[in-house]
Amino acid sequence: MKFAKILSAAALLLSSNLSFAEEVPQAVIDLADSLMPLGREVVLVDAVKAQNAQGKSLDSIKTLDEKWIATAGIDDFMSSLMNNAAAKFLVTFEASKPYYQEIFLMDNQGANVAMTAKTSDYWQGDEDKWQKSFANGKGDKHIGPVKFDESSQAYLVQISIPVMDGDAAVGAITIGINLDQFGL
């Protein structure tokens, strides 16, 4: 009888989407401050400002997001976001440390502007990573929770920082930190 209860509890736990959060290491929290200057890099600021100037409606962004999510592989639009000047800058930045993984740049609505790898969706505007780092145009840093990333089979923390034009946030950047590579 005890074994059946244990099995039943284990089955319930496995069938739920519960995850046990690990605490973000202090060294990663400290790293966030050192990443803030990245949000003032001219190539990134210019790319975000250019996309913002296009004036895309939120409805058109959400339509692109639906298509993005439904697309297997990488289409021409996604490829353009992985090969523009801002993306090339981010690829070089990502290669500078073994623990940087999946970096993407977002506009003032949370739509992708550039990326080092395909993201799971195009529009980040409904997520804390954009909302808290863009902070209604004020700009702030945001450190997400530790999550297990299936594609890389590693534990990641996403640090998001604002893209600043003077004193105003015009977009945001998310930098994945691979904790297995971080050397804690």
N, C-alpha and C. Protein backbone atom coordinates (compact mmCIF):
# COMPACT_ATOMS: atom_id res chain seq x y z
N MET A 1 0.82 -1.18 0.00
CA MET A 1 0.00 0.00 0.00
C MET A 1 0.87 1.26 0.00
N LYS A 2 1.92 1.28 0.85
CA LYS A 2 2.80 2.44 0.88
C LYS A 2 3.44 2.67 -0.48
N PHE A 3 3.91 1.59 -1.10
CA PHE A 3 4.58 1.69 -2.39
C PHE A 3 3.64 2.27 -3.44
N ALA A 4 2.38 1.88 -3.42
CA ALA A 4 1.39 2.39 -4.36
C ALA A 4 1.20 3.89 -4.17
N LYS A 5 1.16 4.34 -2.91
CA LYS A 5 1.03 5.77 -2.64
C LYS A 5 2.25 6.54 -3.14
N ILE A 6 3.41 5.97 -2.93
CA ILE A 6 4.64 6.61 -3.39
C ILE A 6 4.64 6.69 -4.91
N LEU A 7 4.26 5.59 -5.57
CA LEU A 7 4.19 5.60 -7.03
C LEU A 7 3.16 6.61 -7.52
N SER A 8 2.02 6.68 -6.84
CA SER A 8 0.99 7.62 -7.24
C SER A 8 1.48 9.07 -7.08
N ALA A 9 2.16 9.35 -6.00
CA ALA A 9 2.70 10.71 -5.78
C ALA A 9 3.77 11.03 -6.81
N ALA A 10 4.61 10.06 -7.12
CA ALA A 10 5.67 10.27 -8.12
C ALA A 10 5.06 10.51 -9.49
N ALA A 11 4.02 9.74 -9.83
CA ALA A 11 3.36 9.92 -11.13
C ALA A 11 2.72 11.30 -11.21
N LEU A 12 2.10 11.74 -10.13
CA LEU A 12 1.48 13.07 -10.10
C LEU A 12 2.55 14.15 -10.29
N LEU A 13 3.66 14.01 -9.61
CA LEU A 13 4.73 14.99 -9.72
C LEU A 13 5.32 15.01 -11.13
N LEU A 14 5.52 13.85 -11.71
CA LEU A 14 6.08 13.78 -13.06
C LEU A 14 5.11 14.30 -14.11
N SER A 15 3.83 14.11 -13.89
CA SER A 15 2.85 14.56 -14.88
C SER A 15 2.60 16.07 -14.79
N SER A 16 2.95 16.67 -13.67
CA SER A 16 2.77 18.12 -13.55
C SER A 16 3.95 18.81 -14.22
N ASN A 17 3.80 20.06 -14.45
CA ASN A 17 4.89 20.83 -15.06
C ASN A 17 5.69 21.57 -14.00
N LEU A 18 5.76 20.98 -12.83
CA LEU A 18 6.53 21.62 -11.76
C LEU A 18 8.01 21.53 -12.07
N SER A 19 8.71 22.59 -11.76
CA SER A 19 10.16 22.53 -11.87
C SER A 19 10.71 23.09 -10.57
N PHE A 20 11.83 22.62 -10.19
CA PHE A 20 12.43 23.07 -8.95
C PHE A 20 13.46 24.13 -9.29
N ALA A 21 13.17 25.34 -8.88
CA ALA A 21 14.02 26.47 -9.23
C ALA A 21 15.32 26.43 -8.44
N GLU A 22 16.39 26.60 -9.15
CA GLU A 22 17.68 26.78 -8.53
C GLU A 22 17.86 28.26 -8.33
N GLU A 23 18.59 28.62 -7.32
CA GLU A 23 18.85 30.03 -7.08
C GLU A 23 19.91 30.52 -8.07
N VAL A 24 19.73 31.74 -8.57
CA VAL A 24 20.70 32.33 -9.47
C VAL A 24 21.96 32.64 -8.67
N PRO A 25 23.12 32.13 -9.10
CA PRO A 25 24.36 32.38 -8.36
C PRO A 25 24.71 33.87 -8.31
N GLN A 26 25.28 34.30 -7.19
CA GLN A 26 25.66 35.70 -7.01
C GLN A 26 26.60 36.17 -8.11
N ALA A 27 27.49 35.31 -8.57
CA ALA A 27 28.43 35.70 -9.63
C ALA A 27 27.70 36.08 -10.93
N VAL A 28 26.58 35.43 -11.20
CA VAL A 28 25.78 35.77 -12.39
C VAL A 28 25.07 37.10 -12.17
N ILE A 29 24.57 37.31 -10.96
CA ILE A 29 23.93 38.59 -10.63
C ILE A 29 24.95 39.72 -10.80
N ASP A 30 26.17 39.51 -10.33
CA ASP A 30 27.23 40.51 -10.47
C ASP A 30 27.59 40.75 -11.94
N LEU A 31 27.53 39.71 -12.75
CA LEU A 31 27.83 39.83 -14.18
C LEU A 31 26.88 40.79 -14.88
N ALA A 32 25.63 40.85 -14.44
CA ALA A 32 24.63 41.69 -15.08
C ALA A 32 25.08 43.15 -15.16
N ASP A 33 25.66 43.66 -14.10
CA ASP A 33 26.12 45.05 -14.11
C ASP A 33 27.20 45.28 -15.17
N SER A 34 28.07 44.32 -15.34
CA SER A 34 29.15 44.48 -16.32
C SER A 34 28.64 44.42 -17.76
N LEU A 35 27.43 43.90 -17.96
CA LEU A 35 26.86 43.81 -19.30
C LEU A 35 26.12 45.08 -19.73
N MET A 36 25.83 45.97 -18.79
CA MET A 36 25.05 47.17 -19.10
C MET A 36 25.63 48.02 -20.24
N PRO A 37 26.95 48.20 -20.35
CA PRO A 37 27.48 49.00 -21.47
C PRO A 37 27.15 48.43 -22.86
N LEU A 38 26.88 47.14 -22.95
CA LEU A 38 26.51 46.53 -24.23
C LEU A 38 25.28 47.23 -24.82
N GLY A 39 24.39 47.69 -23.97
CA GLY A 39 23.17 48.35 -24.42
C GLY A 39 23.38 49.75 -24.98
N ARG A 40 24.62 50.20 -25.01
CA ARG A 40 24.94 51.52 -25.59
C ARG A 40 25.83 51.40 -26.83
N GLU A 41 26.08 50.18 -27.27
CA GLU A 41 26.90 49.97 -28.48
C GLU A 41 26.17 50.56 -29.69
N VAL A 42 26.87 51.39 -30.43
CA VAL A 42 26.26 52.14 -31.53
C VAL A 42 25.57 51.24 -32.55
N VAL A 43 26.20 50.15 -32.92
CA VAL A 43 25.61 49.27 -33.94
C VAL A 43 24.27 48.69 -33.46
N LEU A 44 24.17 48.43 -32.17
CA LEU A 44 22.93 47.87 -31.62
C LEU A 44 21.86 48.95 -31.47
N VAL A 45 22.26 50.11 -30.96
CA VAL A 45 21.32 51.23 -30.81
C VAL A 45 20.77 51.62 -32.18
N ASP A 46 21.66 51.73 -33.18
CA ASP A 46 21.22 52.11 -34.53
C ASP A 46 20.25 51.10 -35.13
N ALA A 47 20.53 49.80 -34.92
CA ALA A 47 19.65 48.75 -35.46
C ALA A 47 18.26 48.82 -34.83
N VAL A 48 18.22 49.03 -33.52
CA VAL A 48 16.94 49.12 -32.83
C VAL A 48 16.18 50.37 -33.27
N LYS A 49 16.87 51.49 -33.34
CA LYS A 49 16.21 52.73 -33.75
C LYS A 49 15.66 52.62 -35.18
N ALA A 50 16.41 51.95 -36.06
CA ALA A 50 15.94 51.76 -37.44
C ALA A 50 14.67 50.92 -37.47
N GLN A 51 14.63 49.85 -36.67
CA GLN A 51 13.42 49.02 -36.66
C GLN A 51 12.27 49.77 -36.00
N ASN A 52 12.54 50.51 -34.94
CA ASN A 52 11.48 51.30 -34.29
C ASN A 52 10.87 52.29 -35.26
N ALA A 53 11.71 52.88 -36.13
CA ALA A 53 11.25 53.89 -37.09
C ALA A 53 10.30 53.31 -38.14
N GLN A 54 10.32 51.98 -38.31
CA GLN A 54 9.41 51.34 -39.26
C GLN A 54 7.96 51.40 -38.79
N GLY A 55 7.77 51.59 -37.49
CA GLY A 55 6.42 51.75 -36.96
C GLY A 55 5.52 50.54 -37.13
N LYS A 56 6.07 49.34 -36.98
CA LYS A 56 5.24 48.13 -37.10
C LYS A 56 4.14 48.13 -36.04
N SER A 57 2.96 47.72 -36.46
CA SER A 57 1.86 47.60 -35.49
C SER A 57 2.05 46.33 -34.67
N LEU A 58 1.48 46.34 -33.47
CA LEU A 58 1.56 45.16 -32.63
C LEU A 58 0.85 43.98 -33.29
N ASP A 59 -0.23 44.24 -34.02
CA ASP A 59 -0.93 43.17 -34.73
C ASP A 59 -0.04 42.52 -35.78
N SER A 60 0.73 43.34 -36.52
CA SER A 60 1.62 42.76 -37.53
C SER A 60 2.75 41.97 -36.87
N ILE A 61 3.22 42.44 -35.72
CA ILE A 61 4.26 41.71 -34.98
C ILE A 61 3.72 40.38 -34.50
N LYS A 62 2.50 40.37 -33.98
CA LYS A 62 1.90 39.12 -33.50
C LYS A 62 1.65 38.15 -34.65
N THR A 63 1.31 38.66 -35.83
CA THR A 63 1.14 37.80 -37.01
C THR A 63 2.47 37.16 -37.39
N LEU A 64 3.54 37.96 -37.38
CA LEU A 64 4.88 37.42 -37.65
C LEU A 64 5.27 36.39 -36.60
N ASP A 65 4.88 36.64 -35.34
CA ASP A 65 5.19 35.72 -34.24
C ASP A 65 4.53 34.36 -34.47
N GLU A 66 3.27 34.38 -34.88
CA GLU A 66 2.56 33.12 -35.15
C GLU A 66 3.24 32.34 -36.27
N LYS A 67 3.62 33.05 -37.33
CA LYS A 67 4.30 32.39 -38.45
C LYS A 67 5.65 31.84 -37.99
N TRP A 68 6.37 32.61 -37.19
CA TRP A 68 7.68 32.22 -36.66
C TRP A 68 7.57 30.91 -35.89
N ILE A 69 6.62 30.87 -34.96
CA ILE A 69 6.45 29.69 -34.11
C ILE A 69 6.10 28.46 -34.95
N ALA A 70 5.33 28.65 -36.00
CA ALA A 70 4.89 27.54 -36.85
C ALA A 70 5.95 27.10 -37.86
N THR A 71 7.03 27.86 -37.99
CA THR A 71 8.05 27.55 -38.99
C THR A 71 9.13 26.64 -38.42
N ALA A 72 9.29 25.49 -39.05
CA ALA A 72 10.39 24.60 -38.69
C ALA A 72 11.64 25.11 -39.41
N GLY A 73 12.75 25.07 -38.74
CA GLY A 73 13.97 25.54 -39.38
C GLY A 73 14.05 27.05 -39.41
N ILE A 74 14.81 27.55 -40.36
CA ILE A 74 15.06 28.99 -40.46
C ILE A 74 14.66 29.48 -41.85
N ASP A 75 13.72 30.42 -41.90
CA ASP A 75 13.31 30.98 -43.19
C ASP A 75 14.15 32.23 -43.51
N ASP A 76 13.86 32.87 -44.63
CA ASP A 76 14.66 34.03 -45.06
C ASP A 76 14.59 35.18 -44.07
N PHE A 77 13.42 35.43 -43.50
CA PHE A 77 13.27 36.52 -42.53
C PHE A 77 14.13 36.25 -41.30
N MET A 78 14.07 35.04 -40.77
CA MET A 78 14.88 34.69 -39.61
C MET A 78 16.36 34.81 -39.93
N SER A 79 16.72 34.34 -41.10
CA SER A 79 18.12 34.42 -41.54
C SER A 79 18.60 35.87 -41.60
N SER A 80 17.73 36.77 -42.04
CA SER A 80 18.11 38.19 -42.11
C SER A 80 18.40 38.75 -40.72
N LEU A 81 17.72 38.24 -39.70
CA LEU A 81 17.95 38.69 -38.33
C LEU A 81 19.20 38.06 -37.72
N MET A 82 19.71 37.03 -38.37
CA MET A 82 20.93 36.36 -37.91
C MET A 82 22.17 36.82 -38.70
N ASN A 83 21.94 37.64 -39.72
CA ASN A 83 23.06 38.04 -40.58
C ASN A 83 23.19 39.54 -40.77
N ASN A 84 22.40 40.34 -40.06
CA ASN A 84 22.54 41.78 -40.19
C ASN A 84 23.75 42.26 -39.37
N ALA A 85 24.08 43.54 -39.46
CA ALA A 85 25.27 44.08 -38.78
C ALA A 85 25.19 43.88 -37.26
N ALA A 86 24.01 44.10 -36.70
CA ALA A 86 23.84 43.93 -35.25
C ALA A 86 24.05 42.47 -34.85
N ALA A 87 23.52 41.54 -35.65
CA ALA A 87 23.69 40.12 -35.35
C ALA A 87 25.16 39.71 -35.42
N LYS A 88 25.87 40.22 -36.40
CA LYS A 88 27.30 39.91 -36.51
C LYS A 88 28.06 40.42 -35.30
N PHE A 89 27.70 41.61 -34.82
CA PHE A 89 28.30 42.14 -33.60
C PHE A 89 28.01 41.21 -32.42
N LEU A 90 26.74 40.77 -32.30
CA LEU A 90 26.35 39.89 -31.20
C LEU A 90 27.05 38.53 -31.27
N VAL A 91 27.23 38.01 -32.48
CA VAL A 91 27.94 36.73 -32.65
C VAL A 91 29.38 36.86 -32.14
N THR A 92 30.03 37.97 -32.48
CA THR A 92 31.40 38.20 -32.01
C THR A 92 31.42 38.34 -30.49
N PHE A 93 30.47 39.08 -29.96
CA PHE A 93 30.37 39.23 -28.51
C PHE A 93 30.13 37.88 -27.84
N GLU A 94 29.21 37.09 -28.38
CA GLU A 94 28.91 35.78 -27.82
C GLU A 94 30.15 34.89 -27.79
N ALA A 95 30.97 34.97 -28.81
CA ALA A 95 32.18 34.15 -28.89
C ALA A 95 33.26 34.59 -27.91
N SER A 96 33.09 35.76 -27.29
CA SER A 96 34.12 36.27 -26.39
C SER A 96 34.18 35.54 -25.05
N LYS A 97 33.12 34.84 -24.68
CA LYS A 97 33.09 34.07 -23.42
C LYS A 97 32.40 32.74 -23.68
N PRO A 98 32.93 31.66 -23.12
CA PRO A 98 32.32 30.35 -23.38
C PRO A 98 30.92 30.19 -22.78
N TYR A 99 30.58 31.02 -21.82
CA TYR A 99 29.27 30.89 -21.17
C TYR A 99 28.17 31.72 -21.80
N TYR A 100 28.48 32.59 -22.76
CA TYR A 100 27.42 33.32 -23.45
C TYR A 100 26.75 32.38 -24.44
N GLN A 101 25.44 32.37 -24.43
CA GLN A 101 24.70 31.47 -25.32
C GLN A 101 23.35 32.09 -25.67
N GLU A 102 23.07 32.20 -26.93
CA GLU A 102 21.82 32.75 -27.45
C GLU A 102 21.60 34.18 -26.95
N ILE A 103 22.03 35.11 -27.77
CA ILE A 103 21.85 36.53 -27.49
C ILE A 103 20.90 37.10 -28.54
N PHE A 104 19.94 37.89 -28.10
CA PHE A 104 19.04 38.51 -29.07
C PHE A 104 18.69 39.93 -28.66
N LEU A 105 18.47 40.74 -29.70
CA LEU A 105 18.21 42.17 -29.59
C LEU A 105 16.75 42.41 -29.94
N MET A 106 16.07 43.25 -29.14
CA MET A 106 14.64 43.51 -29.34
C MET A 106 14.38 45.01 -29.48
N ASP A 107 13.29 45.34 -30.16
CA ASP A 107 12.92 46.74 -30.37
C ASP A 107 12.04 47.25 -29.22
N ASN A 108 11.41 48.40 -29.44
CA ASN A 108 10.60 49.02 -28.39
C ASN A 108 9.24 48.36 -28.16
N GLN A 109 8.97 47.28 -28.90
CA GLN A 109 7.75 46.50 -28.68
C GLN A 109 8.06 45.06 -28.30
N GLY A 110 9.36 44.73 -28.25
CA GLY A 110 9.75 43.37 -27.90
C GLY A 110 9.92 42.45 -29.08
N ALA A 111 9.91 42.99 -30.31
CA ALA A 111 10.11 42.17 -31.50
C ALA A 111 11.62 42.02 -31.75
N ASN A 112 12.02 40.86 -32.23
CA ASN A 112 13.44 40.61 -32.49
C ASN A 112 13.97 41.55 -33.59
N VAL A 113 15.19 42.04 -33.37
CA VAL A 113 15.90 42.87 -34.33
C VAL A 113 17.10 42.11 -34.87
N ALA A 114 17.77 41.37 -33.99
CA ALA A 114 18.95 40.58 -34.36
C ALA A 114 19.08 39.45 -33.34
N MET A 115 19.77 38.37 -33.75
CA MET A 115 19.93 37.23 -32.85
C MET A 115 21.11 36.38 -33.30
N THR A 116 21.67 35.64 -32.34
CA THR A 116 22.78 34.75 -32.66
C THR A 116 22.29 33.35 -33.00
N ALA A 117 21.08 33.03 -32.63
CA ALA A 117 20.46 31.73 -32.93
C ALA A 117 18.95 31.96 -32.96
N LYS A 118 18.24 31.09 -33.64
CA LYS A 118 16.79 31.23 -33.72
C LYS A 118 16.17 31.13 -32.33
N THR A 119 15.36 32.11 -32.00
CA THR A 119 14.62 32.08 -30.74
C THR A 119 13.33 31.29 -30.93
N SER A 120 12.73 30.88 -29.82
CA SER A 120 11.51 30.07 -29.92
C SER A 120 10.33 30.87 -30.45
N ASP A 121 10.38 32.20 -30.29
CA ASP A 121 9.34 33.05 -30.85
C ASP A 121 9.94 34.38 -31.27
N TYR A 122 9.20 35.14 -32.04
CA TYR A 122 9.67 36.42 -32.58
C TYR A 122 9.39 37.57 -31.63
N TRP A 123 8.24 37.52 -30.97
CA TRP A 123 7.81 38.62 -30.11
C TRP A 123 8.06 38.27 -28.66
N GLN A 124 8.91 39.06 -27.99
CA GLN A 124 9.24 38.85 -26.58
C GLN A 124 8.47 39.84 -25.69
N GLY A 125 7.66 40.71 -26.28
CA GLY A 125 7.01 41.79 -25.56
C GLY A 125 6.06 41.37 -24.46
N ASP A 126 5.65 40.12 -24.46
CA ASP A 126 4.75 39.62 -23.42
C ASP A 126 5.51 38.90 -22.31
N GLU A 127 6.84 39.01 -22.33
CA GLU A 127 7.67 38.28 -21.37
C GLU A 127 8.47 39.24 -20.49
N ASP A 128 8.77 38.79 -19.26
CA ASP A 128 9.53 39.61 -18.31
C ASP A 128 10.86 40.09 -18.88
N LYS A 129 11.52 39.24 -19.67
CA LYS A 129 12.84 39.61 -20.18
C LYS A 129 12.80 40.94 -20.93
N TRP A 130 11.72 41.20 -21.65
CA TRP A 130 11.59 42.48 -22.35
C TRP A 130 10.92 43.52 -21.45
N GLN A 131 9.80 43.15 -20.84
CA GLN A 131 9.03 44.11 -20.07
C GLN A 131 9.86 44.76 -18.95
N LYS A 132 10.62 43.96 -18.24
CA LYS A 132 11.37 44.49 -17.09
C LYS A 132 12.66 45.18 -17.50
N SER A 133 13.24 44.81 -18.62
CA SER A 133 14.47 45.49 -19.05
C SER A 133 14.16 46.76 -19.85
N PHE A 134 13.10 46.75 -20.63
CA PHE A 134 12.67 47.96 -21.34
C PHE A 134 12.07 48.95 -20.33
N ALA A 135 11.32 48.43 -19.39
CA ALA A 135 10.77 49.19 -18.26
C ALA A 135 10.07 50.48 -18.70
N ASN A 136 9.16 50.34 -19.66
CA ASN A 136 8.39 51.50 -20.15
C ASN A 136 9.28 52.66 -20.60
N GLY A 137 10.41 52.32 -21.20
CA GLY A 137 11.30 53.35 -21.73
C GLY A 137 12.31 53.90 -20.74
N LYS A 138 12.26 53.40 -19.50
CA LYS A 138 13.21 53.88 -18.49
C LYS A 138 14.49 53.05 -18.50
N GLY A 139 14.38 51.78 -18.83
CA GLY A 139 15.51 50.88 -18.86
C GLY A 139 15.92 50.38 -17.49
N ASP A 140 16.15 49.08 -17.40
CA ASP A 140 16.58 48.45 -16.16
C ASP A 140 17.15 47.08 -16.54
N LYS A 141 17.86 46.46 -15.64
CA LYS A 141 18.32 45.10 -15.91
C LYS A 141 17.32 44.11 -15.32
N HIS A 142 17.29 42.92 -15.90
CA HIS A 142 16.41 41.86 -15.41
C HIS A 142 17.19 40.55 -15.48
N ILE A 143 17.12 39.80 -14.40
CA ILE A 143 17.77 38.49 -14.35
C ILE A 143 16.68 37.45 -14.17
N GLY A 144 16.56 36.57 -15.16
CA GLY A 144 15.54 35.54 -15.12
C GLY A 144 15.93 34.39 -14.20
N PRO A 145 15.05 33.44 -14.04
CA PRO A 145 15.34 32.27 -13.20
C PRO A 145 16.27 31.29 -13.91
N VAL A 146 16.84 30.39 -13.15
CA VAL A 146 17.62 29.29 -13.73
C VAL A 146 16.63 28.34 -14.39
N LYS A 147 16.89 28.02 -15.66
CA LYS A 147 16.02 27.09 -16.39
C LYS A 147 16.89 26.09 -17.14
N PHE A 148 16.35 24.87 -17.27
CA PHE A 148 17.04 23.86 -18.07
C PHE A 148 16.64 24.06 -19.52
N ASP A 149 17.62 24.26 -20.38
CA ASP A 149 17.37 24.45 -21.81
C ASP A 149 17.53 23.12 -22.53
N GLU A 150 16.43 22.65 -23.11
CA GLU A 150 16.43 21.35 -23.78
C GLU A 150 17.39 21.30 -24.96
N SER A 151 17.41 22.36 -25.77
CA SER A 151 18.23 22.32 -26.98
C SER A 151 19.72 22.24 -26.68
N SER A 152 20.17 22.92 -25.63
CA SER A 152 21.60 22.89 -25.30
C SER A 152 21.92 21.88 -24.20
N GLN A 153 20.87 21.32 -23.59
CA GLN A 153 21.04 20.39 -22.47
C GLN A 153 21.90 21.01 -21.37
N ALA A 154 21.59 22.26 -21.05
CA ALA A 154 22.35 22.99 -20.04
C ALA A 154 21.42 23.89 -19.23
N TYR A 155 21.87 24.26 -18.04
CA TYR A 155 21.13 25.20 -17.21
C TYR A 155 21.54 26.61 -17.61
N LEU A 156 20.53 27.44 -17.91
CA LEU A 156 20.77 28.80 -18.37
C LEU A 156 20.06 29.81 -17.47
N VAL A 157 20.63 31.00 -17.43
CA VAL A 157 19.99 32.17 -16.84
C VAL A 157 20.02 33.23 -17.92
N GLN A 158 18.90 33.92 -18.13
CA GLN A 158 18.87 35.00 -19.10
C GLN A 158 19.00 36.33 -18.37
N ILE A 159 19.99 37.11 -18.79
CA ILE A 159 20.16 38.47 -18.29
C ILE A 159 19.69 39.39 -19.40
N SER A 160 18.79 40.30 -19.06
CA SER A 160 18.28 41.25 -20.05
C SER A 160 18.63 42.66 -19.59
N ILE A 161 19.09 43.45 -20.55
CA ILE A 161 19.50 44.82 -20.28
C ILE A 161 18.86 45.74 -21.31
N PRO A 162 18.68 47.01 -20.98
CA PRO A 162 18.08 47.93 -21.95
C PRO A 162 19.07 48.38 -23.01
N VAL A 163 18.55 48.70 -24.18
CA VAL A 163 19.32 49.39 -25.22
C VAL A 163 18.97 50.86 -25.02
N MET A 164 19.99 51.66 -24.74
CA MET A 164 19.76 53.06 -24.36
C MET A 164 20.22 54.03 -25.43
N ASP A 165 19.37 54.98 -25.73
CA ASP A 165 19.71 56.11 -26.59
C ASP A 165 19.61 57.34 -25.70
N GLY A 166 20.74 57.79 -25.20
CA GLY A 166 20.73 58.85 -24.19
C GLY A 166 20.16 58.30 -22.91
N ASP A 167 19.13 58.95 -22.39
CA ASP A 167 18.51 58.51 -21.14
C ASP A 167 17.26 57.66 -21.35
N ALA A 168 16.96 57.33 -22.60
CA ALA A 168 15.73 56.58 -22.89
C ALA A 168 16.05 55.18 -23.44
N ALA A 169 15.31 54.20 -22.93
CA ALA A 169 15.42 52.85 -23.48
C ALA A 169 14.68 52.82 -24.81
N VAL A 170 15.33 52.27 -25.84
CA VAL A 170 14.69 52.13 -27.15
C VAL A 170 14.46 50.66 -27.49
N GLY A 171 15.01 49.77 -26.69
CA GLY A 171 14.88 48.34 -26.90
C GLY A 171 15.55 47.60 -25.75
N ALA A 172 15.88 46.34 -25.98
CA ALA A 172 16.51 45.52 -24.95
C ALA A 172 17.33 44.40 -25.59
N ILE A 173 18.22 43.84 -24.81
CA ILE A 173 19.05 42.70 -25.23
C ILE A 173 18.93 41.62 -24.17
N THR A 174 18.81 40.39 -24.60
CA THR A 174 18.84 39.25 -23.67
C THR A 174 20.08 38.42 -23.98
N ILE A 175 20.82 38.11 -22.93
CA ILE A 175 22.05 37.32 -23.04
C ILE A 175 21.86 36.06 -22.21
N GLY A 176 21.93 34.90 -22.86
CA GLY A 176 21.85 33.63 -22.14
C GLY A 176 23.19 33.32 -21.50
N ILE A 177 23.17 32.92 -20.24
CA ILE A 177 24.38 32.54 -19.52
C ILE A 177 24.28 31.05 -19.22
N ASN A 178 25.19 30.27 -19.79
CA ASN A 178 25.23 28.83 -19.59
C ASN A 178 25.98 28.57 -18.28
N LEU A 179 25.24 28.14 -17.26
CA LEU A 179 25.84 27.95 -15.94
C LEU A 179 26.86 26.83 -15.92
N ASP A 180 26.70 25.84 -16.80
CA ASP A 180 27.67 24.75 -16.86
C ASP A 180 29.02 25.25 -17.35
N GLN A 181 29.02 26.29 -18.19
CA GLN A 181 30.24 26.86 -18.73
C GLN A 181 30.78 28.03 -17.89
N PHE A 182 29.96 28.52 -16.98
CA PHE A 182 30.30 29.72 -16.22
C PHE A 182 31.44 29.46 -15.24
N GLY A 183 31.63 28.22 -14.86
CA GLY A 183 32.75 27.88 -13.97
C GLY A 183 32.49 28.19 -12.51
N LEU A 184 31.29 27.90 -12.05
CA LEU A 184 30.97 28.14 -10.64
C LEU A 184 31.49 27.02 -9.78
